[in-house]
Amino acid sequence: MTWKQHFTSSVGKKLVMAFTGLFLIMFLVIHAYLNAMIFLPDGREKFEAGAHFMGTNPLTRILEIGLVLGFALHIIQGLMLWRQNAKKRSAGRYAVNAGNATSKWYSRSMGLLGTIVLLFLVIHTAHFWIPNRANQFMTGEEIDLYEKMQIVFENPIVVALYVLGCLSLCFHLVHGFYSAFQTLGMGTSRYKSGIRNAGIAFSIIITILFALMPIAFHFNILLG
């Protein structure tokens, strides 16, 4: 079997989704940790120091390339799997009914949830990452991301969109976390319950940390 066949086969698609998904989960942990600094005393200084390190460290800048590629692969393979599953569902009513009876709604809605998360990602990068990198390229200096968040999250509509994006991310992670480990052969009866519970806990914690950021800025309830 060629590399192309490995990549385009059903098993290959799932493996790519699993590995890229776990890589993106690690990114979420780092991103959430950096965001959580705003809730500490002197949170502005701590956040800006962390953001400066992440934005100027050569290793981080190199990893950004891998991150972009990881997102691209995850999205492409996700769309391919969604299309493949949609064809299977349309093949027969019985298969659809059986699937509905044995799976959660968010498992059947990964295409929709993934699309919402993608739109959320586009909005988020347009607000912060792209302006910061563009300013670095043109002037060699970073923008004040803390001040930028204060301005962006003044708008209640933007805050609502971010919270909706975070909720979509939560359900996407609940399914994706377990599915990744299941694809890698760890979803056996011995570990199934532990992995599923860990995935739920992780998804809730990440969602709360991300959703609290725009809410805290909007209502000005930060300590420092």
Foldseek 3Di string as FASTA:
>chain_A
DDPVCLCLDPLSLLQLLLVLVVVVLVVLVLVLVLLCLQQDAVSLVSNVVSVVCCVPPPVNVVVVVVNVVSVVSNVVSVVSVLVVVVVVCVVDVVVVVVCVVPDDPLVNCLVVLVVLLVVLVVVVCVQAVVVQVVCCVVPVDGDSVVVSLLVQLLDVVSLVSQLVSLVSQLSNQLVSQLSSCVSVVNCDPVCVVVSNVVSNVSSVVSSCSRSVSSVCSNVVPHND
